[in-house]
Amino acid sequence: MVEPGEPAWKKIKATFGSEVFQEDGTLDRAKLANVIFTDEGKRKLLNSITHPEIYKTMMKKVLYYFITGKEMSLYRDVTEISVNPLRKCFPACG
């Protein structure tokens, strides 16, 4: 989701600037961590960028497994489940 050119990558670059990226264009996770873990507002801003992309990817995978009839397990970080829009689709998780 944060590979060069992906939607979340573009939004992170526009929001946090090129200083959180390496010379090759990849996200410098350590530099971004220094920014977001010292400023709760910036952490929430990053979450507002990445979480929708994560949920889209998860829903695509759920749909794929449903359509193909393959078995799957869905795990989600318990600390985030209360703000997770997927809990509406999977009430047993919330």
C-alpha atoms as a PDB file:
ATOM      1  CA  MET A   1       0.000   0.000   0.000  1.00  0.00           C
ATOM      2  CA  VAL A   2       2.919   2.331   0.485  1.00  0.00           C
ATOM      3  CA  GLU A   3       4.958   1.268  -2.522  1.00  0.00           C
ATOM      4  CA  PRO A   4       5.982   4.094  -4.868  1.00  0.00           C
ATOM      5  CA  GLY A   5       3.078   5.312  -6.943  1.00  0.00           C
ATOM      6  CA  GLU A   6       0.329   3.678  -4.858  1.00  0.00           C
ATOM      7  CA  PRO A   7      -2.505   5.942  -3.630  1.00  0.00           C
ATOM      8  CA  ALA A   8      -1.442   5.871   0.042  1.00  0.00           C
ATOM      9  CA  TRP A   9       2.189   6.531  -0.950  1.00  0.00           C
ATOM     10  CA  LYS A  10       1.116   9.611  -2.909  1.00  0.00           C
ATOM     11  CA  LYS A  11      -0.988  10.904  -0.008  1.00  0.00           C
ATOM     12  CA  ILE A  12       1.800  10.301   2.514  1.00  0.00           C
ATOM     13  CA  LYS A  13       4.263  12.162   0.303  1.00  0.00           C
ATOM     14  CA  ALA A  14       1.853  15.068  -0.172  1.00  0.00           C
ATOM     15  CA  THR A  15       1.087  15.200   3.554  1.00  0.00           C
ATOM     16  CA  PHE A  16       4.437  14.526   5.218  1.00  0.00           C
ATOM     17  CA  GLY A  17       6.836  15.640   2.493  1.00  0.00           C
ATOM     18  CA  SER A  18       9.823  14.049   0.832  1.00  0.00           C
ATOM     19  CA  GLU A  19      11.833  14.009   4.078  1.00  0.00           C
ATOM     20  CA  VAL A  20      10.137  10.727   5.106  1.00  0.00           C
ATOM     21  CA  PHE A  21      11.214   9.030   1.869  1.00  0.00           C
ATOM     22  CA  GLN A  22      14.496   7.484   0.818  1.00  0.00           C
ATOM     23  CA  GLU A  23      16.385   8.591  -2.291  1.00  0.00           C
ATOM     24  CA  ASP A  24      14.933   5.699  -4.311  1.00  0.00           C
ATOM     25  CA  GLY A  25      11.393   6.889  -3.530  1.00  0.00           C
ATOM     26  CA  THR A  26      10.540   4.209  -1.006  1.00  0.00           C
ATOM     27  CA  LEU A  27       9.040   5.169   2.319  1.00  0.00           C
ATOM     28  CA  ASP A  28      11.576   5.554   5.119  1.00  0.00           C
ATOM     29  CA  ARG A  29       9.552   3.880   7.849  1.00  0.00           C
ATOM     30  CA  ALA A  30      12.008   4.869  10.599  1.00  0.00           C
ATOM     31  CA  LYS A  31      11.799   8.560   9.722  1.00  0.00           C
ATOM     32  CA  LEU A  32       8.021   8.417   9.439  1.00  0.00           C
ATOM     33  CA  ALA A  33       7.853   6.620  12.795  1.00  0.00           C
ATOM     34  CA  ASN A  34       9.848   9.434  14.407  1.00  0.00           C
ATOM     35  CA  VAL A  35       7.282  11.898  13.100  1.00  0.00           C
ATOM     36  CA  ILE A  36       4.083  10.043  13.986  1.00  0.00           C
ATOM     37  CA  PHE A  37       5.094   8.642  17.362  1.00  0.00           C
ATOM     38  CA  THR A  38       5.961  12.093  18.693  1.00  0.00           C
ATOM     39  CA  ASP A  39       2.761  13.762  17.467  1.00  0.00           C
ATOM     40  CA  GLU A  40      -0.596  12.072  18.004  1.00  0.00           C
ATOM     41  CA  GLY A  41      -2.286  14.338  15.455  1.00  0.00           C
ATOM     42  CA  LYS A  42       0.152  13.241  12.765  1.00  0.00           C
ATOM     43  CA  ARG A  43      -0.321   9.586  13.745  1.00  0.00           C
ATOM     44  CA  LYS A  44      -4.063   9.978  13.342  1.00  0.00           C
ATOM     45  CA  LEU A  45      -3.498  11.707  10.018  1.00  0.00           C
ATOM     46  CA  LEU A  46      -1.339   8.799   8.800  1.00  0.00           C
ATOM     47  CA  ASN A  47      -3.994   6.331   9.962  1.00  0.00           C
ATOM     48  CA  SER A  48      -6.630   8.269   8.012  1.00  0.00           C
ATOM     49  CA  ILE A  49      -4.491   7.770   4.912  1.00  0.00           C
ATOM     50  CA  THR A  50      -3.499   4.134   5.349  1.00  0.00           C
ATOM     51  CA  HIS A  51      -6.512   2.533   7.022  1.00  0.00           C
ATOM     52  CA  PRO A  52      -8.948   3.024   4.123  1.00  0.00           C
ATOM     53  CA  GLU A  53      -6.412   1.388   1.785  1.00  0.00           C
ATOM     54  CA  ILE A  54      -5.927  -1.489   4.218  1.00  0.00           C
ATOM     55  CA  TYR A  55      -9.689  -2.024   4.479  1.00  0.00           C
ATOM     56  CA  LYS A  56     -10.093  -1.960   0.685  1.00  0.00           C
ATOM     57  CA  THR A  57      -7.389  -4.574   0.291  1.00  0.00           C
ATOM     58  CA  MET A  58      -8.923  -6.744   3.007  1.00  0.00           C
ATOM     59  CA  MET A  59     -12.380  -6.541   1.458  1.00  0.00           C
ATOM     60  CA  LYS A  60     -11.003  -7.455  -1.985  1.00  0.00           C
ATOM     61  CA  LYS A  61      -9.385 -10.533  -0.480  1.00  0.00           C
ATOM     62  CA  VAL A  62     -12.532 -11.491   1.425  1.00  0.00           C
ATOM     63  CA  LEU A  63     -14.576 -11.132  -1.762  1.00  0.00           C
ATOM     64  CA  TYR A  64     -12.036 -13.184  -3.741  1.00  0.00           C
ATOM     65  CA  TYR A  65     -12.139 -16.026  -1.225  1.00  0.00           C
ATOM     66  CA  PHE A  66     -15.940 -15.877  -1.073  1.00  0.00           C
ATOM     67  CA  ILE A  67     -16.317 -16.033  -4.860  1.00  0.00           C
ATOM     68  CA  THR A  68     -13.738 -18.806  -5.295  1.00  0.00           C
ATOM     69  CA  GLY A  69     -15.085 -20.804  -2.357  1.00  0.00           C
ATOM     70  CA  LYS A  70     -11.690 -20.980  -0.691  1.00  0.00           C
ATOM     71  CA  GLU A  71     -11.404 -21.077   3.075  1.00  0.00           C
ATOM     72  CA  MET A  72      -9.856 -18.151   4.859  1.00  0.00           C
ATOM     73  CA  SER A  73      -9.219 -16.720   8.286  1.00  0.00           C
ATOM     74  CA  LEU A  74      -9.553 -13.041   9.023  1.00  0.00           C
ATOM     75  CA  TYR A  75      -7.502 -11.610  11.863  1.00  0.00           C
ATOM     76  CA  ARG A  76      -7.502  -8.013  12.988  1.00  0.00           C
ATOM     77  CA  ASP A  77      -5.630  -6.132  15.658  1.00  0.00           C
ATOM     78  CA  VAL A  78      -7.963  -6.062  18.652  1.00  0.00           C
ATOM     79  CA  THR A  79      -6.840  -2.566  19.668  1.00  0.00           C
ATOM     80  CA  GLU A  80      -8.116  -1.126  16.390  1.00  0.00           C
ATOM     81  CA  ILE A  81     -11.356  -3.114  16.037  1.00  0.00           C
ATOM     82  CA  SER A  82     -13.501  -0.429  17.683  1.00  0.00           C
ATOM     83  CA  VAL A  83     -12.647   2.026  14.908  1.00  0.00           C
ATOM     84  CA  ASN A  84     -12.615  -0.573  12.149  1.00  0.00           C
ATOM     85  CA  PRO A  85     -15.390  -0.134   9.577  1.00  0.00           C
ATOM     86  CA  LEU A  86     -15.125  -3.854   8.787  1.00  0.00           C
ATOM     87  CA  ARG A  87     -16.821  -4.609  12.112  1.00  0.00           C
ATOM     88  CA  LYS A  88     -20.094  -3.679  10.377  1.00  0.00           C
ATOM     89  CA  CYS A  89     -19.494  -6.513   7.906  1.00  0.00           C
ATOM     90  CA  PHE A  90     -18.227  -8.938  10.560  1.00  0.00           C
ATOM     91  CA  PRO A  91     -20.110  -8.126  13.775  1.00  0.00           C
ATOM     92  CA  ALA A  92     -18.574 -11.105  15.581  1.00  0.00           C
ATOM     93  CA  CYS A  93     -15.245  -9.261  15.395  1.00  0.00           C
ATOM     94  CA  GLY A  94     -16.529  -6.199  17.213  1.00  0.00           C
END
